[in-house]
C-alpha cells in the first residue's frame, strides 16, 4: 500500500467538523487506518477554530455543537496530524508566492507550508504531497506549483 501525504488547508479540514459539500470526501481521506500521513500549517488550527465558532453563531451549528466540534478538533489534531511551523523563511516564501499568484495572505502561507513539505518529501524519495483544499485560488496556485490538488467540492478532482 502506498502512503499518501495529504496537506489540508482550513477550507477542507473544517469539513470534518461541520457538514458541508465535500465533508464525506474529507472524512474518507482522514481515516487513520489508511496509513496516510496528514499535514497542516500551524495557522490552520486558528482558522478551523474560528470557522467552527462562526458556524456556531449562525444557523449551521448550534453553539453547543460548535463547542463539541472544537473540543473534538483539539483532541484529534495533535494525535493525527503533523503541523508545519511558520518560520521567518516560510513567511518570506509565502510573500513571494502571494506576489507571484496574487494570493490572499493566509492562502500564501498555506501554499508555502505545503510546498515546503512537498520538497522535503521529494528530497527523501517519498511520494509528493497532495493539497486538499476547497479554495479555488489556492488550488490554482498549487497546481501551477506542481502539487496534486484534491478539491472535495469538485466531483472531478484528483482523488
Protein backbone atom coordinates (compact mmCIF):
# COMPACT_ATOMS: atom_id res chain seq x y z
CA UNK A 1 0.00 0.00 0.00
CA UNK A 2 1.35 3.40 -0.98
CA UNK A 3 1.33 6.08 1.70
CA UNK A 4 -0.28 9.30 0.59
CA UNK A 5 0.87 12.60 2.08
CA UNK A 6 -2.14 14.92 2.39
CA UNK A 7 -1.94 18.59 3.33
CA UNK A 8 -5.27 20.08 4.45
CA UNK A 9 -5.94 23.79 4.37
CA UNK A 10 -8.65 25.13 6.65
CA UNK A 11 -11.33 25.26 3.92
CA UNK A 12 -11.07 21.48 3.63
CA UNK A 13 -10.32 20.50 7.23
CA UNK A 14 -13.34 22.33 8.64
CA UNK A 15 -15.49 19.95 6.56
CA UNK A 16 -14.54 17.18 9.01
CA UNK A 17 -16.25 19.09 11.83
CA UNK A 18 -19.20 20.72 10.07
CA UNK A 19 -21.34 19.10 7.40
CA UNK A 20 -20.73 20.90 4.14
CA UNK A 21 -20.40 19.97 0.50
CA UNK A 22 -17.35 17.72 0.39
CA UNK A 23 -17.49 16.61 4.04
CA UNK A 24 -17.78 12.92 3.18
CA UNK A 25 -14.70 13.06 0.95
CA UNK A 26 -12.65 14.86 3.63
CA UNK A 27 -13.74 12.35 6.26
CA UNK A 28 -12.80 9.43 3.99
CA UNK A 29 -9.34 10.91 3.36
CA UNK A 30 -8.72 11.41 7.10
CA UNK A 31 -9.35 7.82 8.17
CA UNK A 32 -6.25 6.89 10.22
CA UNK A 33 -6.43 3.24 9.15
CA UNK A 34 -5.47 4.23 5.59
CA UNK A 35 -1.91 4.72 6.79
CA UNK A 36 -1.83 8.10 5.08
CA UNK A 37 0.16 10.98 6.53
CA UNK A 38 -1.72 14.21 7.30
CA UNK A 39 -0.30 17.73 7.50
CA UNK A 40 -1.49 21.24 8.27
CA UNK A 41 0.14 24.62 8.73
CA UNK A 42 0.10 25.83 12.34
CA UNK A 43 -2.21 28.72 11.39
CA UNK A 44 -4.83 26.18 10.29
CA UNK A 45 -5.54 25.47 13.97
CA UNK A 46 -6.66 29.08 14.44
CA UNK A 47 -8.58 29.16 11.17
CA UNK A 48 -10.50 25.94 11.87
CA UNK A 49 -11.47 27.00 15.40
CA UNK A 50 -12.54 30.43 14.10
CA UNK A 51 -14.61 28.86 11.30
CA UNK A 52 -16.37 26.42 13.63
CA UNK A 53 -17.06 29.20 16.15
CA UNK A 54 -18.56 31.37 13.41
CA UNK A 55 -20.71 28.46 12.20
CA UNK A 56 -21.98 28.14 15.79
CA UNK A 57 -23.10 31.77 15.74
CA UNK A 58 -25.07 31.29 12.53
CA UNK A 59 -27.65 28.73 11.62
CA UNK A 60 -25.31 25.91 10.53
CA UNK A 61 -24.37 24.61 14.01
CA UNK A 62 -25.81 25.24 17.42
CA UNK A 63 -23.41 26.90 19.84
CA UNK A 64 -23.22 23.61 21.78
CA UNK A 65 -22.44 21.64 18.59
CA UNK A 66 -19.72 24.16 17.77
CA UNK A 67 -18.18 23.77 21.24
CA UNK A 68 -18.29 19.97 20.89
CA UNK A 69 -16.64 20.06 17.46
CA UNK A 70 -13.91 22.42 18.68
CA UNK A 71 -13.20 20.03 21.57
CA UNK A 72 -13.10 17.15 19.11
CA UNK A 73 -10.72 19.04 16.81
CA UNK A 74 -8.42 19.94 19.72
CA UNK A 75 -8.41 16.31 20.83
CA UNK A 76 -7.78 14.86 17.36
CA UNK A 77 -5.27 17.08 15.58
CA UNK A 78 -2.27 16.59 17.89
CA UNK A 79 -2.61 12.80 17.58
CA UNK A 80 -3.30 12.51 13.86
CA UNK A 81 -1.78 15.48 12.05
CA UNK A 82 1.78 16.75 11.61
CA UNK A 83 1.99 20.52 11.97
CA UNK A 84 4.20 22.74 9.83
CA UNK A 85 5.58 25.60 11.89
CA UNK A 86 5.65 29.10 10.49
CA UNK A 87 9.23 30.37 10.33
CA UNK A 88 10.59 33.64 9.01
CA UNK A 89 11.87 31.78 5.95
CA UNK A 90 8.44 30.30 5.32
CA UNK A 91 6.84 33.74 5.58
CA UNK A 92 9.37 35.12 3.08
CA UNK A 93 8.49 32.28 0.72
CA UNK A 94 4.77 32.96 1.30
CA UNK A 95 5.26 36.63 0.41
CA UNK A 96 6.88 35.62 -2.87
CA UNK A 97 4.04 33.19 -3.61
CA UNK A 98 1.45 35.86 -2.74
CA UNK A 99 3.03 38.21 -5.24
CA UNK A 100 3.50 35.56 -7.92
CA UNK A 101 -0.02 34.13 -7.72
CA UNK A 102 -1.97 37.13 -6.31
CA UNK A 103 -2.99 35.06 -3.27
CA UNK A 104 -4.53 36.27 -0.03
CA UNK A 105 -2.04 36.29 2.84
CA UNK A 106 -3.13 33.15 4.67
CA UNK A 107 -3.53 31.25 1.40
CA UNK A 108 0.07 32.13 0.53
CA UNK A 109 1.21 30.83 3.92
CA UNK A 110 -0.78 27.62 3.38
CA UNK A 111 0.84 27.13 -0.04
CA UNK A 112 4.33 27.90 1.26
CA UNK A 113 3.88 25.33 4.05
CA UNK A 114 2.58 22.73 1.60
CA UNK A 115 5.41 23.36 -0.86
CA UNK A 116 7.99 23.15 1.91
CA UNK A 117 6.67 19.74 2.99
CA UNK A 118 6.38 18.63 -0.64
CA UNK A 119 10.02 19.46 -1.36
CA UNK A 120 11.13 17.68 1.80
CA UNK A 121 9.20 14.54 0.83
CA UNK A 122 10.53 14.55 -2.74
CA UNK A 123 14.06 15.10 -1.41
CA UNK A 124 13.63 11.99 0.75
CA UNK A 125 12.47 9.92 -2.24
CA UNK A 126 8.92 9.75 -0.95
CA UNK A 127 5.65 10.39 -2.73
CA UNK A 128 4.90 14.08 -3.12
CA UNK A 129 2.33 15.99 -1.15
CA UNK A 130 -1.30 16.31 -2.21
CA UNK A 131 -3.07 19.57 -1.37
CA UNK A 132 -6.63 19.14 -0.08
CA UNK A 133 -8.45 22.45 -0.35
CA UNK A 134 -11.77 23.98 -1.36
CA UNK A 135 -10.22 27.35 -2.16
CA UNK A 136 -10.15 27.79 -5.94
CA UNK A 137 -7.39 30.43 -5.98
CA UNK A 138 -5.17 28.37 -3.69
CA UNK A 139 -5.90 25.27 -5.76
CA UNK A 140 -4.93 27.00 -9.00
CA UNK A 141 -1.67 28.23 -7.49
CA UNK A 142 -0.97 24.77 -6.05
CA UNK A 143 -1.40 23.16 -9.45
CA UNK A 144 0.89 25.75 -11.06
CA UNK A 145 3.49 24.96 -8.40
CA UNK A 146 3.25 21.26 -9.27
CA UNK A 147 1.05 19.86 -6.50
CA UNK A 148 -1.70 17.33 -6.99
CA UNK A 149 -4.83 19.11 -5.76
CA UNK A 150 -7.90 17.47 -4.29
CA UNK A 151 -10.93 19.75 -4.06
CA UNK A 152 -13.54 17.81 -2.08
CA UNK A 153 -16.30 20.00 -3.54
CA UNK A 154 -15.46 19.07 -7.13
CA UNK A 155 -16.55 15.61 -8.31
CA UNK A 156 -13.83 15.59 -10.99
CA UNK A 157 -10.98 16.49 -8.64
CA UNK A 158 -7.96 14.16 -8.30
CA UNK A 159 -8.56 11.63 -5.51
